Amino acid sequence: MPATPAQAEPSIKDVKARVDRLYHEAEAAQERLHDARIDLTDLRRDLAGLKADQARQDERLDEVRDQVSDAVVRQLEGEGITTVGQVVVSDDPGAFLDTLSTMSAFNDLQSSMLADYDTQLEALEIRREATDSRAKEIAELTEQLSTESETVDDKLAEAKDLLGDLEAEERKRLLSSRSVTRMPASVPASGRAAAAIAYAMAQVGDAYVYGAAGENAFDCSGLTMRAWAQAGVSLPHSSTAQFSSGTRIAASELQPGDLVFYYSPISHVGMYIGNGQIVDAANPGTGVRIAGLYSMPYVGAVRPG
């Protein structure tokens, strides 16, 4: 019986597909990391507001507690009994009625203060629960940040290991085999979009680094964020959040400067530059490039500003 041949070494095509998949999994984790950081900032802002509310509620509760304490002390000292005695011995019917009214108002005030005390106590408890809930969410999200960061590092390390196992010449062929569309001579755009496009196009050839937003390296949402910042438009550092930061545009209505989004769930963003092309920060093997609009699974587009 002939010996069973050893398992064939993976081809350049197979390695390229695996490396690209790992790069995208790392990018998806990085974009989730951006989302989590935005959520964490919002949660910390909420927590600060809740703590301020709780402090004000504590002060209000102390005020009502003091009022109730004073009322109880006055009752124990006989203020109510003294008033009754004055009413009983009064020979003036008008004074009797006035005093009776005063007693009624006093009792109503006490009831009101006690009810207010209960209300303020309940409100304080609600704020305490909300504060504790936000603090718990922050702790959970901080743990998620750590997990996503580890995922990025692990996927990138695995991709580097795959490349490292190849001979130098094969590795060079693999990296040079990535298709990059030729840069257009000019991009027709005006106004704020022109400023954003000019910045993005000037970065073509720069490195891709997870989490980076310039000056010489970018991830996908870092590039589009910095580009539109040149036009005075503030965007979050997250492809998912950027998808909610403008007017939705159909593919047939795309104009240069529009942001285009890929994969489901969304984990990549580029900028449309016309003629069926985009500029984007692709991955560590390609960097900032020019590519076809449908070179990745297209999801949708928005027009910032």
Protein backbone atom coordinates (compact mmCIF):
# COMPACT_ATOMS: atom_id res chain seq x y z
CA MET A 1 0.00 0.00 0.00
CA PRO A 2 1.41 3.41 -0.89
CA ALA A 3 2.08 5.73 2.00
CA THR A 4 -0.55 8.37 2.65
CA PRO A 5 0.78 11.68 1.37
CA ALA A 6 1.33 14.41 3.92
CA GLN A 7 -1.30 17.14 4.07
CA ALA A 8 -0.62 19.69 1.36
CA GLU A 9 0.75 23.05 2.42
CA PRO A 10 -1.83 25.85 2.12
CA SER A 11 -1.64 27.80 -1.10
CA ILE A 12 -1.01 31.52 -1.29
CA LYS A 13 -4.71 31.95 -2.11
CA ASP A 14 -5.74 29.99 1.01
CA VAL A 15 -3.41 31.95 3.26
CA LYS A 16 -4.58 35.24 1.76
CA ALA A 17 -8.22 34.32 2.47
CA ARG A 18 -7.40 33.32 6.06
CA VAL A 19 -5.35 36.47 6.70
CA ASP A 20 -8.09 38.68 5.26
CA ARG A 21 -10.67 36.94 7.46
CA LEU A 22 -8.53 37.45 10.56
CA TYR A 23 -7.96 41.10 9.67
CA HIS A 24 -11.70 41.63 9.34
CA GLU A 25 -12.47 39.81 12.60
CA ALA A 26 -9.94 42.04 14.33
CA GLU A 27 -11.46 45.12 12.69
CA ALA A 28 -14.98 44.08 13.79
CA ALA A 29 -13.71 43.70 17.35
CA GLN A 30 -12.00 47.11 17.12
CA GLU A 31 -15.22 48.76 15.96
CA ARG A 32 -17.12 47.11 18.84
CA LEU A 33 -14.40 48.50 21.08
CA HIS A 34 -15.06 52.00 19.71
CA ASP A 35 -18.81 51.54 20.34
CA ALA A 36 -18.18 50.39 23.90
CA ARG A 37 -15.97 53.42 24.60
CA ILE A 38 -18.71 55.76 23.35
CA ASP A 39 -21.26 53.97 25.55
CA LEU A 40 -18.87 54.15 28.50
CA THR A 41 -18.51 57.92 28.08
CA ASP A 42 -22.31 58.30 28.03
CA LEU A 43 -22.74 56.07 31.08
CA ARG A 44 -20.15 58.02 33.06
CA ARG A 45 -21.94 61.26 32.15
CA ASP A 46 -25.24 59.74 33.32
CA LEU A 47 -23.62 58.56 36.53
CA ALA A 48 -22.23 62.02 37.28
CA GLY A 49 -25.71 63.51 36.76
CA LEU A 50 -27.34 60.88 38.98
CA LYS A 51 -24.83 61.49 41.75
CA ALA A 52 -25.54 65.22 41.57
CA ASP A 53 -29.29 64.50 41.73
CA GLN A 54 -28.73 62.20 44.68
CA ALA A 55 -26.76 64.89 46.52
CA ARG A 56 -29.55 67.42 45.96
CA GLN A 57 -32.11 64.85 47.08
CA ASP A 58 -30.08 64.20 50.24
CA GLU A 59 -30.16 67.93 51.02
CA ARG A 60 -33.92 68.15 50.43
CA LEU A 61 -34.51 65.09 52.60
CA ASP A 62 -32.45 66.64 55.41
CA GLU A 63 -34.57 69.81 55.23
CA VAL A 64 -37.84 67.90 55.47
CA ARG A 65 -36.45 65.67 58.22
CA ASP A 66 -35.55 68.78 60.27
CA GLN A 67 -39.05 70.21 59.79
CA VAL A 68 -40.69 66.99 60.92
CA SER A 69 -38.36 66.72 63.93
CA ASP A 70 -39.18 70.29 65.00
CA ALA A 71 -42.91 69.58 64.74
CA VAL A 72 -42.67 66.42 66.81
CA VAL A 73 -40.61 68.22 69.50
CA ARG A 74 -43.18 71.01 69.71
CA GLN A 75 -45.98 68.46 70.17
CA LEU A 76 -44.05 66.64 72.89
CA GLU A 77 -43.48 69.96 74.68
CA GLY A 78 -47.23 70.44 74.91
CA GLU A 79 -47.79 73.13 72.28
CA GLY A 80 -50.88 71.34 71.02
CA ILE A 81 -52.34 70.87 74.55
CA THR A 82 -51.71 74.51 75.45
CA THR A 83 -53.62 75.61 72.38
CA VAL A 84 -56.60 73.37 73.27
CA GLY A 85 -56.65 74.77 76.78
CA GLN A 86 -56.74 78.31 75.45
CA VAL A 87 -59.68 77.44 73.19
CA VAL A 88 -61.71 75.83 75.98
CA VAL A 89 -61.44 78.82 78.38
CA SER A 90 -61.95 81.45 75.71
CA ASP A 91 -65.01 83.71 76.13
CA ASP A 92 -64.58 85.13 72.62
CA PRO A 93 -66.33 82.96 69.95
CA GLY A 94 -64.29 84.64 67.24
CA ALA A 95 -61.06 83.84 69.01
CA PHE A 96 -62.31 80.27 69.51
CA LEU A 97 -62.92 79.86 65.78
CA ASP A 98 -59.64 81.54 64.83
CA THR A 99 -57.69 79.31 67.18
CA LEU A 100 -59.55 76.21 66.00
CA SER A 101 -58.64 77.15 62.44
CA THR A 102 -55.03 77.64 63.49
CA MET A 103 -54.96 74.17 65.07
CA SER A 104 -56.44 72.63 61.92
CA ALA A 105 -53.91 74.39 59.72
CA PHE A 106 -51.10 73.29 62.00
CA ASN A 107 -52.23 69.64 61.82
CA ASP A 108 -52.57 69.91 58.05
CA LEU A 109 -49.04 71.30 57.88
CA GLN A 110 -47.74 68.37 59.93
CA SER A 111 -49.51 65.88 57.66
CA SER A 112 -48.11 67.66 54.61
CA MET A 113 -44.58 67.58 56.02
CA LEU A 114 -44.82 63.87 56.80
CA ALA A 115 -46.14 63.15 53.31
CA ASP A 116 -43.35 65.27 51.82
CA TYR A 117 -40.83 63.36 53.91
CA ASP A 118 -42.11 60.03 52.56
CA THR A 119 -42.02 61.38 48.99
CA GLN A 120 -38.47 62.69 49.30
CA LEU A 121 -37.31 59.44 50.90
CA GLU A 122 -38.81 57.42 48.04
CA ALA A 123 -37.29 59.75 45.43
CA LEU A 124 -33.86 59.41 47.04
CA GLU A 125 -34.13 55.61 46.98
CA ILE A 126 -35.01 55.69 43.27
CA ARG A 127 -31.96 57.81 42.53
CA ARG A 128 -29.73 55.54 44.58
CA GLU A 129 -30.96 52.51 42.64
CA ALA A 130 -30.38 54.30 39.33
CA THR A 131 -26.87 55.30 40.41
CA ASP A 132 -26.04 51.73 41.46
CA SER A 133 -27.41 50.42 38.14
CA ARG A 134 -25.25 52.82 36.09
CA ALA A 135 -22.17 51.94 38.13
CA LYS A 136 -22.80 48.24 37.46
CA GLU A 137 -23.20 48.89 33.70
CA ILE A 138 -19.90 50.77 33.70
CA ALA A 139 -18.14 47.86 35.39
CA GLU A 140 -19.57 45.38 32.85
CA LEU A 141 -18.68 47.60 29.91
CA THR A 142 -15.14 48.09 31.18
CA GLU A 143 -14.76 44.31 31.22
CA GLN A 144 -16.12 44.16 27.65
CA LEU A 145 -13.52 46.73 26.57
CA SER A 146 -10.78 44.48 27.87
CA THR A 147 -12.24 41.44 26.08
CA GLU A 148 -12.57 43.21 22.71
CA SER A 149 -9.05 44.59 23.01
CA GLU A 150 -7.72 41.08 23.59
CA THR A 151 -9.68 39.83 20.55
CA VAL A 152 -8.05 42.46 18.33
CA ASP A 153 -4.59 41.51 19.58
CA ASP A 154 -5.23 37.76 19.21
CA LYS A 155 -6.58 37.99 15.64
CA LEU A 156 -3.76 40.25 14.54
CA ALA A 157 -1.16 37.96 16.12
CA GLU A 158 -2.70 34.94 14.38
CA ALA A 159 -2.56 36.73 11.02
CA LYS A 160 1.08 37.66 11.60
CA ASP A 161 1.87 34.05 12.49
CA LEU A 162 0.33 32.85 9.24
CA LEU A 163 2.40 35.34 7.28
CA GLY A 164 5.49 34.47 9.28
CA ASP A 165 5.19 30.79 8.35
CA LEU A 166 5.55 31.64 4.67
CA GLU A 167 8.85 32.01 2.94
CA ALA A 168 9.89 35.62 2.41
CA GLU A 169 9.31 35.49 -1.34
CA GLU A 170 5.84 33.98 -0.97
CA ARG A 171 4.95 36.53 1.70
CA LYS A 172 6.01 39.33 -0.63
CA ARG A 173 3.83 37.89 -3.42
CA LEU A 174 0.89 37.55 -1.04
CA LEU A 175 1.02 41.17 0.13
CA SER A 176 1.57 42.51 -3.38
CA SER A 177 -1.31 40.45 -4.78
CA ARG A 178 -3.93 42.55 -3.03
CA SER A 179 -5.97 44.38 -5.61
CA VAL A 180 -5.83 48.16 -5.33
CA THR A 181 -7.73 50.34 -7.76
CA ARG A 182 -5.70 53.07 -9.44
CA MET A 183 -6.10 56.52 -7.87
CA PRO A 184 -8.28 58.86 -9.95
CA ALA A 185 -6.68 62.02 -11.33
CA SER A 186 -9.30 64.20 -9.62
CA VAL A 187 -12.50 63.87 -7.62
CA PRO A 188 -15.38 66.21 -8.49
CA ALA A 189 -16.61 67.68 -5.20
CA SER A 190 -17.39 71.06 -3.70
CA GLY A 191 -18.05 72.65 -0.32
CA ARG A 192 -17.38 70.69 2.84
CA ALA A 193 -17.25 67.35 1.01
CA ALA A 194 -14.28 68.63 -1.01
CA ALA A 195 -12.29 69.31 2.17
CA ALA A 196 -13.09 65.85 3.56
CA ILE A 197 -12.15 64.12 0.31
CA ALA A 198 -8.91 66.08 -0.07
CA TYR A 199 -7.79 64.96 3.38
CA ALA A 200 -8.74 61.30 2.85
CA MET A 201 -7.07 61.14 -0.58
CA ALA A 202 -3.88 62.64 0.83
CA GLN A 203 -3.62 59.67 3.23
CA VAL A 204 -3.61 56.98 0.52
CA GLY A 205 -0.61 54.77 1.21
CA ASP A 206 -0.61 55.44 4.96
CA ALA A 207 -0.59 52.51 7.36
CA TYR A 208 -3.62 50.83 8.90
CA VAL A 209 -3.38 50.56 12.69
CA TYR A 210 -6.27 49.35 14.85
CA GLY A 211 -7.68 52.23 16.87
CA ALA A 212 -5.60 54.89 15.09
CA ALA A 213 -6.91 58.23 13.80
CA GLY A 214 -3.79 59.88 12.32
CA GLU A 215 -1.44 61.51 11.73
CA ASN A 216 0.21 58.78 9.67
CA ALA A 217 -1.93 55.73 10.50
CA PHE A 218 -5.67 55.07 10.65
CA ASP A 219 -8.34 52.48 11.11
CA CYS A 220 -11.47 52.73 8.94
CA SER A 221 -13.61 54.97 11.15
CA GLY A 222 -10.57 56.93 12.30
CA LEU A 223 -9.88 57.97 8.70
CA THR A 224 -13.44 59.10 7.95
CA MET A 225 -13.68 60.87 11.32
CA ARG A 226 -10.49 62.86 10.71
CA ALA A 227 -11.40 63.58 7.09
CA TRP A 228 -14.80 65.09 7.88
CA ALA A 229 -13.29 66.98 10.83
CA GLN A 230 -11.38 69.02 8.21
CA ALA A 231 -14.80 70.13 6.95
CA GLY A 232 -15.98 71.12 10.45
CA VAL A 233 -18.18 68.04 10.90
CA SER A 234 -17.72 66.04 14.11
CA LEU A 235 -18.15 62.27 13.78
CA PRO A 236 -17.72 59.55 16.42
CA HIS A 237 -14.83 57.11 16.14
CA SER A 238 -17.07 54.16 15.27
CA SER A 239 -18.44 52.85 11.98
CA THR A 240 -21.72 51.85 13.63
CA ALA A 241 -22.15 55.27 15.23
CA GLN A 242 -21.20 57.05 12.00
CA PHE A 243 -23.99 55.17 10.21
CA SER A 244 -26.38 57.11 12.49
CA SER A 245 -24.61 60.45 11.99
CA GLY A 246 -26.11 61.69 8.76
CA THR A 247 -28.89 61.42 6.19
CA ARG A 248 -29.36 57.94 4.72
CA ILE A 249 -28.55 57.86 0.99
CA ALA A 250 -29.50 55.25 -1.61
CA ALA A 251 -26.64 53.78 -3.63
CA SER A 252 -28.09 55.41 -6.77
CA GLU A 253 -27.83 58.86 -5.11
CA LEU A 254 -24.24 58.62 -3.89
CA GLN A 255 -22.11 61.73 -4.18
CA PRO A 256 -18.38 62.19 -3.44
CA GLY A 257 -17.86 62.58 0.30
CA ASP A 258 -20.72 60.28 1.33
CA LEU A 259 -19.80 57.57 3.83
CA VAL A 260 -20.38 53.96 2.76
CA PHE A 261 -20.72 51.04 5.15
CA TYR A 262 -19.99 47.33 4.92
CA TYR A 263 -20.74 43.97 6.54
CA SER A 264 -23.60 42.96 8.84
CA PRO A 265 -23.39 43.95 11.59
CA ILE A 266 -21.61 47.08 10.30
CA SER A 267 -17.87 46.92 10.96
CA HIS A 268 -16.25 48.93 8.14
CA VAL A 269 -16.67 52.39 6.63
CA GLY A 270 -15.15 54.17 3.66
CA MET A 271 -15.73 57.39 1.73
CA TYR A 272 -17.25 57.48 -1.74
CA ILE A 273 -15.16 59.44 -4.26
CA GLY A 274 -17.25 58.94 -7.40
CA ASN A 275 -16.98 56.69 -10.45
CA GLY A 276 -17.83 53.61 -8.38
CA GLN A 277 -14.81 54.03 -6.11
CA ILE A 278 -14.10 54.60 -2.42
CA VAL A 279 -11.12 55.58 -0.31
CA ASP A 280 -10.80 53.62 2.92
CA ALA A 281 -8.37 52.35 5.53
CA ALA A 282 -8.60 48.68 4.63
CA ASN A 283 -6.42 46.50 6.89
CA PRO A 284 -2.83 46.16 8.11
CA GLY A 285 -1.79 44.44 4.89
CA THR A 286 -3.15 47.15 2.59
CA GLY A 287 -3.36 50.42 4.51
CA VAL A 288 -5.28 53.40 3.12
CA ARG A 289 -6.26 52.64 -0.47
CA ILE A 290 -8.62 53.27 -3.37
CA ALA A 291 -11.06 50.41 -3.98
CA GLY A 292 -14.30 49.57 -5.73
CA LEU A 293 -17.62 50.53 -4.12
CA TYR A 294 -18.75 46.90 -4.03
CA SER A 295 -15.41 45.34 -3.16
CA MET A 296 -16.92 44.34 0.21
CA PRO A 297 -20.47 43.40 1.31
CA TYR A 298 -22.24 46.77 0.94
CA VAL A 299 -24.84 47.77 3.58
CA GLY A 300 -25.69 51.45 3.01
CA ALA A 301 -24.54 55.05 2.99
CA VAL A 302 -25.06 58.36 4.79
CA ARG A 303 -24.29 61.98 3.96
CA PRO A 304 -22.64 63.72 6.96
CA GLY A 305 -23.33 67.28 7.99
